[in-house]
Amino acid sequence: MNRNLLLKLGVVLLLVILLFIPLLLIDGVVDERQGLRNEVLLDIARSSSHSQRLTGPLLVVPYRKTVREWRTHEKTGNRYLEERERGLSPEAASAQAGARTGKAFVTSALTTVGGFAVLMQA
């Protein structure tokens, strides 16, 4: 009885070892294909969309900044408060913003109108 048990355990151990061989071969194929997949994904990312720039609308708000600064008169030595304005006038700021963003604004407006036109036709 002891001999039959050892023989059965030996056969089971031999079958387990024989079944590990295809499992190891399949594992090698799976690793190889995963590596190839990762390389292909990187290649596609590099060729089609490697560097992208996302920009949004630009809002320009004209403003005036009043600077208050204490100065000393050169001849008398008296201190005085000086106020100066910095910045563009609202008209000049609007003209400058329109010159910089005019084409983009018109293009986005036409795209929006076109999108709504397609939605209304559907």
PDB file of N, CA and C in Angstrom:
ATOM      1  N   MET A   1       0.820  -1.187   0.000  1.00  0.00           N
ATOM      2  CA  MET A   1       0.000   0.000   0.000  1.00  0.00           C
ATOM      3  C   MET A   1       0.867   1.254   0.000  1.00  0.00           C
ATOM      4  N   ASN A   2       1.900   1.262   0.742  1.00  0.00           N
ATOM      5  CA  ASN A   2       2.791   2.398   0.819  1.00  0.00           C
ATOM      6  C   ASN A   2       3.483   2.644  -0.515  1.00  0.00           C
ATOM      7  N   ARG A   3       3.773   1.544  -1.212  1.00  0.00           N
ATOM      8  CA  ARG A   3       4.423   1.653  -2.507  1.00  0.00           C
ATOM      9  C   ARG A   3       3.463   2.231  -3.546  1.00  0.00           C
ATOM     10  N   ASN A   4       2.207   1.834  -3.541  1.00  0.00           N
ATOM     11  CA  ASN A   4       1.202   2.373  -4.472  1.00  0.00           C
ATOM     12  C   ASN A   4       0.976   3.873  -4.246  1.00  0.00           C
ATOM     13  N   LEU A   5       0.967   4.290  -2.979  1.00  0.00           N
ATOM     14  CA  LEU A   5       0.779   5.698  -2.661  1.00  0.00           C
ATOM     15  C   LEU A   5       1.952   6.531  -3.180  1.00  0.00           C
ATOM     16  N   LEU A   6       3.169   6.058  -2.997  1.00  0.00           N
ATOM     17  CA  LEU A   6       4.334   6.768  -3.499  1.00  0.00           C
ATOM     18  C   LEU A   6       4.340   6.821  -5.016  1.00  0.00           C
ATOM     19  N   LEU A   7       3.898   5.753  -5.662  1.00  0.00           N
ATOM     20  CA  LEU A   7       3.832   5.721  -7.120  1.00  0.00           C
ATOM     21  C   LEU A   7       2.796   6.731  -7.626  1.00  0.00           C
ATOM     22  N   LYS A   8       1.641   6.801  -6.973  1.00  0.00           N
ATOM     23  CA  LYS A   8       0.606   7.759  -7.373  1.00  0.00           C
ATOM     24  C   LYS A   8       1.079   9.198  -7.151  1.00  0.00           C
ATOM     25  N   LEU A   9       1.730   9.466  -6.021  1.00  0.00           N
ATOM     26  CA  LEU A   9       2.248  10.813  -5.767  1.00  0.00           C
ATOM     27  C   LEU A   9       3.323  11.188  -6.790  1.00  0.00           C
ATOM     28  N   GLY A  10       4.126  10.243  -7.163  1.00  0.00           N
ATOM     29  CA  GLY A  10       5.161  10.502  -8.169  1.00  0.00           C
ATOM     30  C   GLY A  10       4.554  10.834  -9.520  1.00  0.00           C
ATOM     31  N   VAL A  11       3.499  10.107  -9.915  1.00  0.00           N
ATOM     32  CA  VAL A  11       2.831  10.363 -11.191  1.00  0.00           C
ATOM     33  C   VAL A  11       2.162  11.739 -11.172  1.00  0.00           C
ATOM     34  N   VAL A  12       1.525  12.085 -10.065  1.00  0.00           N
ATOM     35  CA  VAL A  12       0.881  13.396  -9.952  1.00  0.00           C
ATOM     36  C   VAL A  12       1.932  14.504 -10.020  1.00  0.00           C
ATOM     37  N   LEU A  13       3.060  14.321  -9.333  1.00  0.00           N
ATOM     38  CA  LEU A  13       4.133  15.309  -9.375  1.00  0.00           C
ATOM     39  C   LEU A  13       4.700  15.445 -10.784  1.00  0.00           C
ATOM     40  N   LEU A  14       4.856  14.342 -11.486  1.00  0.00           N
ATOM     41  CA  LEU A  14       5.331  14.372 -12.865  1.00  0.00           C
ATOM     42  C   LEU A  14       4.344  15.105 -13.768  1.00  0.00           C
ATOM     43  N   LEU A  15       3.039  14.871 -13.595  1.00  0.00           N
ATOM     44  CA  LEU A  15       2.024  15.572 -14.387  1.00  0.00           C
ATOM     45  C   LEU A  15       2.024  17.077 -14.096  1.00  0.00           C
ATOM     46  N   VAL A  16       2.203  17.441 -12.841  1.00  0.00           N
ATOM     47  CA  VAL A  16       2.253  18.860 -12.486  1.00  0.00           C
ATOM     48  C   VAL A  16       3.454  19.518 -13.155  1.00  0.00           C
ATOM     49  N   ILE A  17       4.600  18.866 -13.127  1.00  0.00           N
ATOM     50  CA  ILE A  17       5.792  19.422 -13.773  1.00  0.00           C
ATOM     51  C   ILE A  17       5.592  19.519 -15.278  1.00  0.00           C
ATOM     52  N   LEU A  18       4.990  18.516 -15.889  1.00  0.00           N
ATOM     53  CA  LEU A  18       4.746  18.546 -17.332  1.00  0.00           C
ATOM     54  C   LEU A  18       3.741  19.639 -17.718  1.00  0.00           C
ATOM     55  N   LEU A  19       2.774  19.929 -16.845  1.00  0.00           N
ATOM     56  CA  LEU A  19       1.802  20.968 -17.139  1.00  0.00           C
ATOM     57  C   LEU A  19       2.374  22.380 -16.915  1.00  0.00           C
ATOM     58  N   PHE A  20       3.423  22.485 -16.114  1.00  0.00           N
ATOM     59  CA  PHE A  20       4.067  23.789 -15.921  1.00  0.00           C
ATOM     60  C   PHE A  20       4.835  24.248 -17.151  1.00  0.00           C
ATOM     61  N   ILE A  21       5.294  23.312 -17.969  1.00  0.00           N
ATOM     62  CA  ILE A  21       6.071  23.677 -19.154  1.00  0.00           C
ATOM     63  C   ILE A  21       5.248  24.509 -20.127  1.00  0.00           C
ATOM     64  N   PRO A  22       4.043  24.097 -20.559  1.00  0.00           N
ATOM     65  CA  PRO A  22       3.257  24.957 -21.450  1.00  0.00           C
ATOM     66  C   PRO A  22       2.852  26.277 -20.782  1.00  0.00           C
ATOM     67  N   LEU A  23       2.614  26.225 -19.477  1.00  0.00           N
ATOM     68  CA  LEU A  23       2.255  27.441 -18.754  1.00  0.00           C
ATOM     69  C   LEU A  23       3.404  28.457 -18.811  1.00  0.00           C
ATOM     70  N   LEU A  24       4.626  28.019 -18.647  1.00  0.00           N
ATOM     71  CA  LEU A  24       5.770  28.922 -18.735  1.00  0.00           C
ATOM     72  C   LEU A  24       5.959  29.434 -20.153  1.00  0.00           C
ATOM     73  N   LEU A  25       5.707  28.598 -21.157  1.00  0.00           N
ATOM     74  CA  LEU A  25       5.822  29.036 -22.545  1.00  0.00           C
ATOM     75  C   LEU A  25       4.770  30.094 -22.875  1.00  0.00           C
ATOM     76  N   ILE A  26       3.552  29.884 -22.406  1.00  0.00           N
ATOM     77  CA  ILE A  26       2.480  30.849 -22.644  1.00  0.00           C
ATOM     78  C   ILE A  26       2.779  32.161 -21.919  1.00  0.00           C
ATOM     79  N   ASP A  27       3.325  32.082 -20.712  1.00  0.00           N
ATOM     80  CA  ASP A  27       3.667  33.280 -19.959  1.00  0.00           C
ATOM     81  C   ASP A  27       4.710  34.102 -20.706  1.00  0.00           C
ATOM     82  N   GLY A  28       5.665  33.469 -21.344  1.00  0.00           N
ATOM     83  CA  GLY A  28       6.656  34.181 -22.143  1.00  0.00           C
ATOM     84  C   GLY A  28       6.033  34.889 -23.325  1.00  0.00           C
ATOM     85  N   VAL A  29       5.079  34.228 -23.982  1.00  0.00           N
ATOM     86  CA  VAL A  29       4.392  34.836 -25.124  1.00  0.00           C
ATOM     87  C   VAL A  29       3.564  36.035 -24.670  1.00  0.00           C
ATOM     88  N   VAL A  30       2.886  35.907 -23.537  1.00  0.00           N
ATOM     89  CA  VAL A  30       2.070  37.002 -23.011  1.00  0.00           C
ATOM     90  C   VAL A  30       2.953  38.201 -22.669  1.00  0.00           C
ATOM     91  N   ASP A  31       4.085  37.959 -22.010  1.00  0.00           N
ATOM     92  CA  ASP A  31       5.000  39.065 -21.681  1.00  0.00           C
ATOM     93  C   ASP A  31       5.533  39.745 -22.935  1.00  0.00           C
ATOM     94  N   GLU A  32       5.873  38.952 -23.939  1.00  0.00           N
ATOM     95  CA  GLU A  32       6.385  39.508 -25.191  1.00  0.00           C
ATOM     96  C   GLU A  32       5.333  40.377 -25.876  1.00  0.00           C
ATOM     97  N   ARG A  33       4.105  39.910 -25.905  1.00  0.00           N
ATOM     98  CA  ARG A  33       3.035  40.678 -26.561  1.00  0.00           C
ATOM     99  C   ARG A  33       2.672  41.933 -25.779  1.00  0.00           C
ATOM    100  N   GLN A  34       2.724  41.886 -24.457  1.00  0.00           N
ATOM    101  CA  GLN A  34       2.466  43.094 -23.673  1.00  0.00           C
ATOM    102  C   GLN A  34       3.546  44.140 -23.911  1.00  0.00           C
ATOM    103  N   GLY A  35       4.789  43.705 -24.016  1.00  0.00           N
ATOM    104  CA  GLY A  35       5.866  44.632 -24.327  1.00  0.00           C
ATOM    105  C   GLY A  35       5.690  45.255 -25.703  1.00  0.00           C
ATOM    106  N   LEU A  36       5.299  44.442 -26.685  1.00  0.00           N
ATOM    107  CA  LEU A  36       5.050  44.952 -28.036  1.00  0.00           C
ATOM    108  C   LEU A  36       3.886  45.933 -28.039  1.00  0.00           C
ATOM    109  N   ARG A  37       2.843  45.625 -27.277  1.00  0.00           N
ATOM    110  CA  ARG A  37       1.683  46.525 -27.179  1.00  0.00           C
ATOM    111  C   ARG A  37       2.097  47.876 -26.609  1.00  0.00           C
ATOM    112  N   ASN A  38       2.901  47.866 -25.542  1.00  0.00           N
ATOM    113  CA  ASN A  38       3.348  49.130 -24.936  1.00  0.00           C
ATOM    114  C   ASN A  38       4.191  49.942 -25.915  1.00  0.00           C
ATOM    115  N   GLU A  39       5.052  49.287 -26.677  1.00  0.00           N
ATOM    116  CA  GLU A  39       5.864  49.989 -27.671  1.00  0.00           C
ATOM    117  C   GLU A  39       4.988  50.610 -28.757  1.00  0.00           C
ATOM    118  N   VAL A  40       3.972  49.878 -29.210  1.00  0.00           N
ATOM    119  CA  VAL A  40       3.077  50.394 -30.247  1.00  0.00           C
ATOM    120  C   VAL A  40       2.288  51.590 -29.724  1.00  0.00           C
ATOM    121  N   LEU A  41       1.810  51.521 -28.492  1.00  0.00           N
ATOM    122  CA  LEU A  41       1.079  52.652 -27.913  1.00  0.00           C
ATOM    123  C   LEU A  41       1.956  53.892 -27.821  1.00  0.00           C
ATOM    124  N   LEU A  42       3.200  53.721 -27.409  1.00  0.00           N
ATOM    125  CA  LEU A  42       4.115  54.871 -27.355  1.00  0.00           C
ATOM    126  C   LEU A  42       4.397  55.419 -28.739  1.00  0.00           C
ATOM    127  N   ASP A  43       4.545  54.542 -29.722  1.00  0.00           N
ATOM    128  CA  ASP A  43       4.810  54.979 -31.086  1.00  0.00           C
ATOM    129  C   ASP A  43       3.624  55.769 -31.642  1.00  0.00           C
ATOM    130  N   ILE A  44       2.419  55.295 -31.382  1.00  0.00           N
ATOM    131  CA  ILE A  44       1.219  55.998 -31.848  1.00  0.00           C
ATOM    132  C   ILE A  44       1.106  57.355 -31.147  1.00  0.00           C
ATOM    133  N   ALA A  45       1.382  57.379 -29.855  1.00  0.00           N
ATOM    134  CA  ALA A  45       1.301  58.645 -29.115  1.00  0.00           C
ATOM    135  C   ALA A  45       2.325  59.641 -29.640  1.00  0.00           C
ATOM    136  N   ARG A  46       3.523  59.177 -29.969  1.00  0.00           N
ATOM    137  CA  ARG A  46       4.551  60.075 -30.486  1.00  0.00           C
ATOM    138  C   ARG A  46       4.192  60.600 -31.870  1.00  0.00           C
ATOM    139  N   SER A  47       3.599  59.760 -32.702  1.00  0.00           N
ATOM    140  CA  SER A  47       3.357  60.167 -34.088  1.00  0.00           C
ATOM    141  C   SER A  47       2.121  61.050 -34.240  1.00  0.00           C
ATOM    142  N   SER A  48       1.099  60.826 -33.442  1.00  0.00           N
ATOM    143  CA  SER A  48      -0.145  61.557 -33.683  1.00  0.00           C
ATOM    144  C   SER A  48      -0.379  62.707 -32.718  1.00  0.00           C
ATOM    145  N   SER A  49      -0.013  62.559 -31.482  1.00  0.00           N
ATOM    146  CA  SER A  49      -0.388  63.602 -30.529  1.00  0.00           C
ATOM    147  C   SER A  49       0.656  63.768 -29.437  1.00  0.00           C
ATOM    148  N   HIS A  50       1.912  63.843 -29.824  1.00  0.00           N
ATOM    149  CA  HIS A  50       2.954  63.902 -28.804  1.00  0.00           C
ATOM    150  C   HIS A  50       2.886  65.197 -27.992  1.00  0.00           C
ATOM    151  N   SER A  51       2.990  66.324 -28.639  1.00  0.00           N
ATOM    152  CA  SER A  51       2.922  67.583 -27.894  1.00  0.00           C
ATOM    153  C   SER A  51       1.660  68.331 -28.298  1.00  0.00           C
ATOM    154  N   GLN A  52       0.883  68.687 -27.308  1.00  0.00           N
ATOM    155  CA  GLN A  52      -0.364  69.383 -27.565  1.00  0.00           C
ATOM    156  C   GLN A  52      -0.383  70.666 -26.746  1.00  0.00           C
ATOM    157  N   ARG A  53      -1.109  71.627 -27.251  1.00  0.00           N
ATOM    158  CA  ARG A  53      -1.284  72.882 -26.532  1.00  0.00           C
ATOM    159  C   ARG A  53      -2.770  73.146 -26.428  1.00  0.00           C
ATOM    160  N   LEU A  54      -3.224  73.359 -25.226  1.00  0.00           N
ATOM    161  CA  LEU A  54      -4.629  73.633 -24.982  1.00  0.00           C
ATOM    162  C   LEU A  54      -4.747  75.089 -24.556  1.00  0.00           C
ATOM    163  N   THR A  55      -5.491  75.861 -25.327  1.00  0.00           N
ATOM    164  CA  THR A  55      -5.692  77.260 -24.983  1.00  0.00           C
ATOM    165  C   THR A  55      -7.177  77.541 -24.891  1.00  0.00           C
ATOM    166  N   GLY A  56      -7.493  78.501 -24.109  1.00  0.00           N
ATOM    167  CA  GLY A  56      -8.889  78.863 -23.933  1.00  0.00           C
ATOM    168  C   GLY A  56      -9.122  80.308 -24.301  1.00  0.00           C
ATOM    169  N   PRO A  57     -10.323  80.790 -24.065  1.00  0.00           N
ATOM    170  CA  PRO A  57     -10.612  82.192 -24.391  1.00  0.00           C
ATOM    171  C   PRO A  57      -9.823  83.129 -23.481  1.00  0.00           C
ATOM    172  N   LEU A  58      -9.515  84.263 -24.013  1.00  0.00           N
ATOM    173  CA  LEU A  58      -8.739  85.256 -23.280  1.00  0.00           C
ATOM    174  C   LEU A  58      -9.638  86.446 -22.992  1.00  0.00           C
ATOM    175  N   LEU A  59      -9.723  86.824 -21.760  1.00  0.00           N
ATOM    176  CA  LEU A  59     -10.535  87.958 -21.347  1.00  0.00           C
ATOM    177  C   LEU A  59      -9.606  89.092 -20.946  1.00  0.00           C
ATOM    178  N   VAL A  60      -9.716  90.200 -21.638  1.00  0.00           N
ATOM    179  CA  VAL A  60      -8.891  91.364 -21.346  1.00  0.00           C
ATOM    180  C   VAL A  60      -9.778  92.413 -20.698  1.00  0.00           C
ATOM    181  N   VAL A  61      -9.418  92.798 -19.511  1.00  0.00           N
ATOM    182  CA  VAL A  61     -10.184  93.798 -18.777  1.00  0.00           C
ATOM    183  C   VAL A  61      -9.328  95.056 -18.674  1.00  0.00           C
ATOM    184  N   PRO A  62      -9.781  96.144 -19.273  1.00  0.00           N
ATOM    185  CA  PRO A  62      -9.000  97.377 -19.144  1.00  0.00           C
ATOM    186  C   PRO A  62      -9.081  97.904 -17.713  1.00  0.00           C
ATOM    187  N   TYR A  63      -7.989  98.426 -17.267  1.00  0.00           N
ATOM    188  CA  TYR A  63      -7.968  98.960 -15.907  1.00  0.00           C
ATOM    189  C   TYR A  63      -6.998 100.116 -15.822  1.00  0.00           C
ATOM    190  N   ARG A  64      -7.142 100.869 -14.767  1.00  0.00           N
ATOM    191  CA  ARG A  64      -6.197 101.938 -14.450  1.00  0.00           C
ATOM    192  C   ARG A  64      -5.667 101.665 -13.062  1.00  0.00           C
ATOM    193  N   LYS A  65      -4.393 101.804 -12.936  1.00  0.00           N
ATOM    194  CA  LYS A  65      -3.774 101.597 -11.643  1.00  0.00           C
ATOM    195  C   LYS A  65      -3.216 102.934 -11.177  1.00  0.00           C
ATOM    196  N   THR A  66      -3.649 103.346 -10.022  1.00  0.00           N
ATOM    197  CA  THR A  66      -3.143 104.594  -9.455  1.00  0.00           C
ATOM    198  C   THR A  66      -2.047 104.241  -8.459  1.00  0.00           C
ATOM    199  N   VAL A  67      -0.880 104.807  -8.698  1.00  0.00           N
ATOM    200  CA  VAL A  67       0.267 104.541  -7.830  1.00  0.00           C
ATOM    201  C   VAL A  67       0.467 105.753  -6.937  1.00  0.00           C
ATOM    202  N   ARG A  68       0.498 105.525  -5.651  1.00  0.00           N
ATOM    203  CA  ARG A  68       0.748 106.604  -4.692  1.00  0.00           C
ATOM    204  C   ARG A  68       2.131 106.354  -4.098  1.00  0.00           C
ATOM    205  N   GLU A  69       2.966 107.354  -4.197  1.00  0.00           N
ATOM    206  CA  GLU A  69       4.344 107.183  -3.767  1.00  0.00           C
ATOM    207  C   GLU A  69       4.820 108.455  -3.067  1.00  0.00           C
ATOM    208  N   TRP A  70       5.487 108.280  -1.935  1.00  0.00           N
ATOM    209  CA  TRP A  70       6.050 109.432  -1.226  1.00  0.00           C
ATOM    210  C   TRP A  70       7.408 109.753  -1.838  1.00  0.00           C
ATOM    211  N   ARG A  71       7.614 111.050  -2.157  1.00  0.00           N
ATOM    212  CA  ARG A  71       8.882 111.511  -2.721  1.00  0.00           C
ATOM    213  C   ARG A  71       9.393 112.685  -1.904  1.00  0.00           C
ATOM    214  N   THR A  72      10.650 112.975  -2.102  1.00  0.00           N
ATOM    215  CA  THR A  72      11.262 114.119  -1.425  1.00  0.00           C
ATOM    216  C   THR A  72      11.694 115.135  -2.471  1.00  0.00           C
ATOM    217  N   HIS A  73      11.301 116.393  -2.243  1.00  0.00           N
ATOM    218  CA  HIS A  73      11.674 117.459  -3.171  1.00  0.00           C
ATOM    219  C   HIS A  73      13.184 117.666  -3.094  1.00  0.00           C
ATOM    220  N   GLU A  74      13.820 117.763  -4.258  1.00  0.00           N
ATOM    221  CA  GLU A  74      15.278 117.828  -4.292  1.00  0.00           C
ATOM    222  C   GLU A  74      15.827 119.104  -3.648  1.00  0.00           C
ATOM    223  N   LYS A  75      15.197 120.235  -3.880  1.00  0.00           N
ATOM    224  CA  LYS A  75      15.739 121.514  -3.390  1.00  0.00           C
ATOM    225  C   LYS A  75      15.343 121.794  -1.948  1.00  0.00           C
ATOM    226  N   THR A  76      14.062 121.561  -1.616  1.00  0.00           N
ATOM    227  CA  THR A  76      13.595 121.944  -0.281  1.00  0.00           C
ATOM    228  C   THR A  76      13.706 120.808   0.724  1.00  0.00           C
ATOM    229  N   GLY A  77      13.720 119.580   0.273  1.00  0.00           N
ATOM    230  CA  GLY A  77      13.790 118.448   1.189  1.00  0.00           C
ATOM    231  C   GLY A  77      12.449 118.064   1.776  1.00  0.00           C
ATOM    232  N   ASN A  78      11.358 118.711   1.325  1.00  0.00           N
ATOM    233  CA  ASN A  78      10.022 118.379   1.822  1.00  0.00           C
ATOM    234  C   ASN A  78       9.519 117.107   1.149  1.00  0.00           C
ATOM    235  N   ARG A  79       8.797 116.343   1.952  1.00  0.00           N
ATOM    236  CA  ARG A  79       8.191 115.124   1.402  1.00  0.00           C
ATOM    237  C   ARG A  79       6.806 115.454   0.870  1.00  0.00           C
ATOM    238  N   TYR A  80       6.440 114.789  -0.222  1.00  0.00           N
ATOM    239  CA  TYR A  80       5.112 114.987  -0.796  1.00  0.00           C
ATOM    240  C   TYR A  80       4.627 113.665  -1.388  1.00  0.00           C
ATOM    241  N   LEU A  81       3.300 113.570  -1.506  1.00  0.00           N
ATOM    242  CA  LEU A  81       2.671 112.374  -2.041  1.00  0.00           C
ATOM    243  C   LEU A  81       2.421 112.580  -3.530  1.00  0.00           C
ATOM    244  N   GLU A  82       2.941 111.677  -4.350  1.00  0.00           N
ATOM    245  CA  GLU A  82       2.764 111.795  -5.800  1.00  0.00           C
ATOM    246  C   GLU A  82       1.836 110.666  -6.261  1.00  0.00           C
ATOM    247  N   GLU A  83       0.861 111.038  -7.052  1.00  0.00           N
ATOM    248  CA  GLU A  83      -0.047 110.051  -7.623  1.00  0.00           C
ATOM    249  C   GLU A  83       0.145 110.014  -9.120  1.00  0.00           C
ATOM    250  N   ARG A  84       0.271 108.811  -9.650  1.00  0.00           N
ATOM    251  CA  ARG A  84       0.405 108.638 -11.091  1.00  0.00           C
ATOM    252  C   ARG A  84      -0.539 107.529 -11.523  1.00  0.00           C
ATOM    253  N   GLU A  85      -1.023 107.633 -12.742  1.00  0.00           N
ATOM    254  CA  GLU A  85      -1.886 106.591 -13.298  1.00  0.00           C
ATOM    255  C   GLU A  85      -1.089 105.784 -14.313  1.00  0.00           C
ATOM    256  N   ARG A  86      -1.260 104.483 -14.237  1.00  0.00           N
ATOM    257  CA  ARG A  86      -0.621 103.594 -15.193  1.00  0.00           C
ATOM    258  C   ARG A  86      -1.703 102.791 -15.888  1.00  0.00           C
ATOM    259  N   GLY A  87      -1.453 102.412 -17.102  1.00  0.00           N
ATOM    260  CA  GLY A  87      -2.413 101.610 -17.848  1.00  0.00           C
ATOM    261  C   GLY A  87      -2.949 102.363 -19.044  1.00  0.00           C
ATOM    262  N   LEU A  88      -3.691 101.657 -19.858  1.00  0.00           N
ATOM    263  CA  LEU A  88      -4.270 102.245 -21.061  1.00  0.00           C
ATOM    264  C   LEU A  88      -5.668 102.766 -20.763  1.00  0.00           C
ATOM    265  N   SER A  89      -6.112 103.649 -21.605  1.00  0.00           N
ATOM    266  CA  SER A  89      -7.493 104.101 -21.495  1.00  0.00           C
ATOM    267  C   SER A  89      -8.403 102.954 -21.932  1.00  0.00           C
ATOM    268  N   PRO A  90      -9.670 102.970 -21.539  1.00  0.00           N
ATOM    269  CA  PRO A  90     -10.572 101.877 -21.945  1.00  0.00           C
ATOM    270  C   PRO A  90     -10.663 101.713 -23.460  1.00  0.00           C
ATOM    271  N   GLU A  91     -10.650 102.809 -24.201  1.00  0.00           N
ATOM    272  CA  GLU A  91     -10.735 102.719 -25.656  1.00  0.00           C
ATOM    273  C   GLU A  91      -9.476 102.075 -26.233  1.00  0.00           C
ATOM    274  N   ALA A  92      -8.305 102.495 -25.741  1.00  0.00           N
ATOM    275  CA  ALA A  92      -7.044 101.945 -26.246  1.00  0.00           C
ATOM    276  C   ALA A  92      -6.901 100.473 -25.872  1.00  0.00           C
ATOM    277  N   ALA A  93      -7.307 100.126 -24.644  1.00  0.00           N
ATOM    278  CA  ALA A  93      -7.228  98.723 -24.222  1.00  0.00           C
ATOM    279  C   ALA A  93      -8.162  97.856 -25.049  1.00  0.00           C
ATOM    280  N   SER A  94      -9.354  98.352 -25.351  1.00  0.00           N
ATOM    281  CA  SER A  94     -10.300  97.613 -26.176  1.00  0.00           C
ATOM    282  C   SER A  94      -9.778  97.424 -27.592  1.00  0.00           C
ATOM    283  N   ALA A  95      -9.181  98.473 -28.155  1.00  0.00           N
ATOM    284  CA  ALA A  95      -8.619  98.368 -29.499  1.00  0.00           C
ATOM    285  C   ALA A  95      -7.458  97.383 -29.532  1.00  0.00           C
ATOM    286  N   GLN A  96      -6.618  97.412 -28.516  1.00  0.00           N
ATOM    287  CA  GLN A  96      -5.483  96.495 -28.466  1.00  0.00           C
ATOM    288  C   GLN A  96      -5.960  95.050 -28.306  1.00  0.00           C
ATOM    289  N   ALA A  97      -6.948  94.808 -27.450  1.00  0.00           N
ATOM    290  CA  ALA A  97      -7.475  93.461 -27.264  1.00  0.00           C
ATOM    291  C   ALA A  97      -8.147  92.963 -28.537  1.00  0.00           C
ATOM    292  N   GLY A  98      -8.878  93.843 -29.229  1.00  0.00           N
ATOM    293  CA  GLY A  98      -9.521  93.448 -30.485  1.00  0.00           C
ATOM    294  C   GLY A  98      -8.509  93.105 -31.557  1.00  0.00           C
ATOM    295  N   ALA A  99      -7.417  93.845 -31.598  1.00  0.00           N
ATOM    296  CA  ALA A  99      -6.380  93.567 -32.597  1.00  0.00           C
ATOM    297  C   ALA A  99      -5.703  92.232 -32.326  1.00  0.00           C
ATOM    298  N   ARG A 100      -5.548  91.874 -31.064  1.00  0.00           N
ATOM    299  CA  ARG A 100      -4.865  90.625 -30.720  1.00  0.00           C
ATOM    300  C   ARG A 100      -5.768  89.408 -30.838  1.00  0.00           C
ATOM    301  N   THR A 101      -7.052  89.555 -30.555  1.00  0.00           N
ATOM    302  CA  THR A 101      -7.934  88.392 -30.495  1.00  0.00           C
ATOM    303  C   THR A 101      -9.045  88.421 -31.526  1.00  0.00           C
ATOM    304  N   GLY A 102      -9.002  89.331 -32.482  1.00  0.00           N
ATOM    305  CA  GLY A 102     -10.098  89.474 -33.443  1.00  0.00           C
ATOM    306  C   GLY A 102     -10.345  88.224 -34.266  1.00  0.00           C
ATOM    307  N   LYS A 103      -9.290  87.670 -34.869  1.00  0.00           N
ATOM    308  CA  LYS A 103      -9.465  86.481 -35.715  1.00  0.00           C
ATOM    309  C   LYS A 103      -9.965  85.293 -34.910  1.00  0.00           C
ATOM    310  N   ALA A 104      -9.418  85.113 -33.717  1.00  0.00           N
ATOM    311  CA  ALA A 104      -9.841  83.988 -32.881  1.00  0.00           C
ATOM    312  C   ALA A 104     -11.302  84.139 -32.474  1.00  0.00           C
ATOM    313  N   PHE A 105     -11.714  85.361 -32.161  1.00  0.00           N
ATOM    314  CA  PHE A 105     -13.093  85.596 -31.763  1.00  0.00           C
ATOM    315  C   PHE A 105     -14.052  85.306 -32.919  1.00  0.00           C
ATOM    316  N   VAL A 106     -13.716  85.774 -34.104  1.00  0.00           N
ATOM    317  CA  VAL A 106     -14.571  85.543 -35.269  1.00  0.00           C
ATOM    318  C   VAL A 106     -14.626  84.052 -35.592  1.00  0.00           C
ATOM    319  N   THR A 107     -13.497  83.377 -35.539  1.00  0.00           N
ATOM    320  CA  THR A 107     -13.470  81.939 -35.827  1.00  0.00           C
ATOM    321  C   THR A 107     -14.308  81.160 -34.828  1.00  0.00           C
ATOM    322  N   SER A 108     -14.188  81.483 -33.542  1.00  0.00           N
ATOM    323  CA  SER A 108     -14.980  80.762 -32.543  1.00  0.00           C
ATOM    324  C   SER A 108     -16.469  81.069 -32.694  1.00  0.00           C
ATOM    325  N   ALA A 109     -16.806  82.289 -33.069  1.00  0.00           N
ATOM    326  CA  ALA A 109     -18.221  82.629 -33.282  1.00  0.00           C
ATOM    327  C   ALA A 109     -18.792  81.848 -34.465  1.00  0.00           C
ATOM    328  N   LEU A 110     -18.035  81.769 -35.556  1.00  0.00           N
ATOM    329  CA  LEU A 110     -18.504  81.007 -36.723  1.00  0.00           C
ATOM    330  C   LEU A 110     -18.618  79.518 -36.412  1.00  0.00           C
ATOM    331  N   THR A 111     -17.692  78.994 -35.628  1.00  0.00           N
ATOM    332  CA  THR A 111     -17.755  77.586 -35.233  1.00  0.00           C
ATOM    333  C   THR A 111     -18.993  77.322 -34.391  1.00  0.00           C
ATOM    334  N   THR A 112     -19.301  78.227 -33.486  1.00  0.00           N
ATOM    335  CA  THR A 112     -20.489  78.070 -32.649  1.00  0.00           C
ATOM    336  C   THR A 112     -21.756  78.119 -33.490  1.00  0.00           C
ATOM    337  N   VAL A 113     -21.834  79.048 -34.409  1.00  0.00           N
ATOM    338  CA  VAL A 113     -23.007  79.147 -35.287  1.00  0.00           C
ATOM    339  C   VAL A 113     -23.137  77.884 -36.120  1.00  0.00           C
ATOM    340  N   GLY A 114     -22.023  77.389 -36.655  1.00  0.00           N
ATOM    341  CA  GLY A 114     -22.050  76.152 -37.437  1.00  0.00           C
ATOM    342  C   GLY A 114     -22.497  74.963 -36.607  1.00  0.00           C
ATOM    343  N   GLY A 115     -22.034  74.886 -35.362  1.00  0.00           N
ATOM    344  CA  GLY A 115     -22.445  73.790 -34.477  1.00  0.00           C
ATOM    345  C   GLY A 115     -23.931  73.813 -34.195  1.00  0.00           C
ATOM    346  N   PHE A 116     -24.460  75.001 -33.927  1.00  0.00           N
ATOM    347  CA  PHE A 116     -25.897  75.103 -33.685  1.00  0.00           C
ATOM    348  C   PHE A 116     -26.697  74.779 -34.951  1.00  0.00           C
ATOM    349  N   ALA A 117     -26.172  75.164 -36.107  1.00  0.00           N
ATOM    350  CA  ALA A 117     -26.864  74.850 -37.358  1.00  0.00           C
ATOM    351  C   ALA A 117     -26.942  73.334 -37.574  1.00  0.00           C
ATOM    352  N   VAL A 118     -25.864  72.645 -37.268  1.00  0.00           N
ATOM    353  CA  VAL A 118     -25.869  71.168 -37.408  1.00  0.00           C
ATOM    354  C   VAL A 118     -26.839  70.558 -36.431  1.00  0.00           C
ATOM    355  N   LEU A 119     -26.867  71.063 -35.191  1.00  0.00           N
ATOM    356  CA  LEU A 119     -27.781  70.520 -34.194  1.00  0.00           C
ATOM    357  C   LEU A 119     -29.241  70.758 -34.591  1.00  0.00           C
ATOM    358  N   MET A 120     -29.538  71.887 -35.200  1.00  0.00           N
ATOM    359  CA  MET A 120     -30.915  72.185 -35.596  1.00  0.00           C
ATOM    360  C   MET A 120     -31.355  71.313 -36.780  1.00  0.00           C
ATOM    361  N   GLN A 121     -30.408  70.915 -37.620  1.00  0.00           N
ATOM    362  CA  GLN A 121     -30.746  70.047 -38.772  1.00  0.00           C
ATOM    363  C   GLN A 121     -30.976  68.614 -38.341  1.00  0.00           C
ATOM    364  N   ALA A 122     -30.390  68.187 -37.229  1.00  0.00           N
ATOM    365  CA  ALA A 122     -30.479  66.784 -36.793  1.00  0.00           C
ATOM    366  C   ALA A 122     -31.822  66.464 -36.203  1.00  0.00           C
TER     367      ALA A 122
END
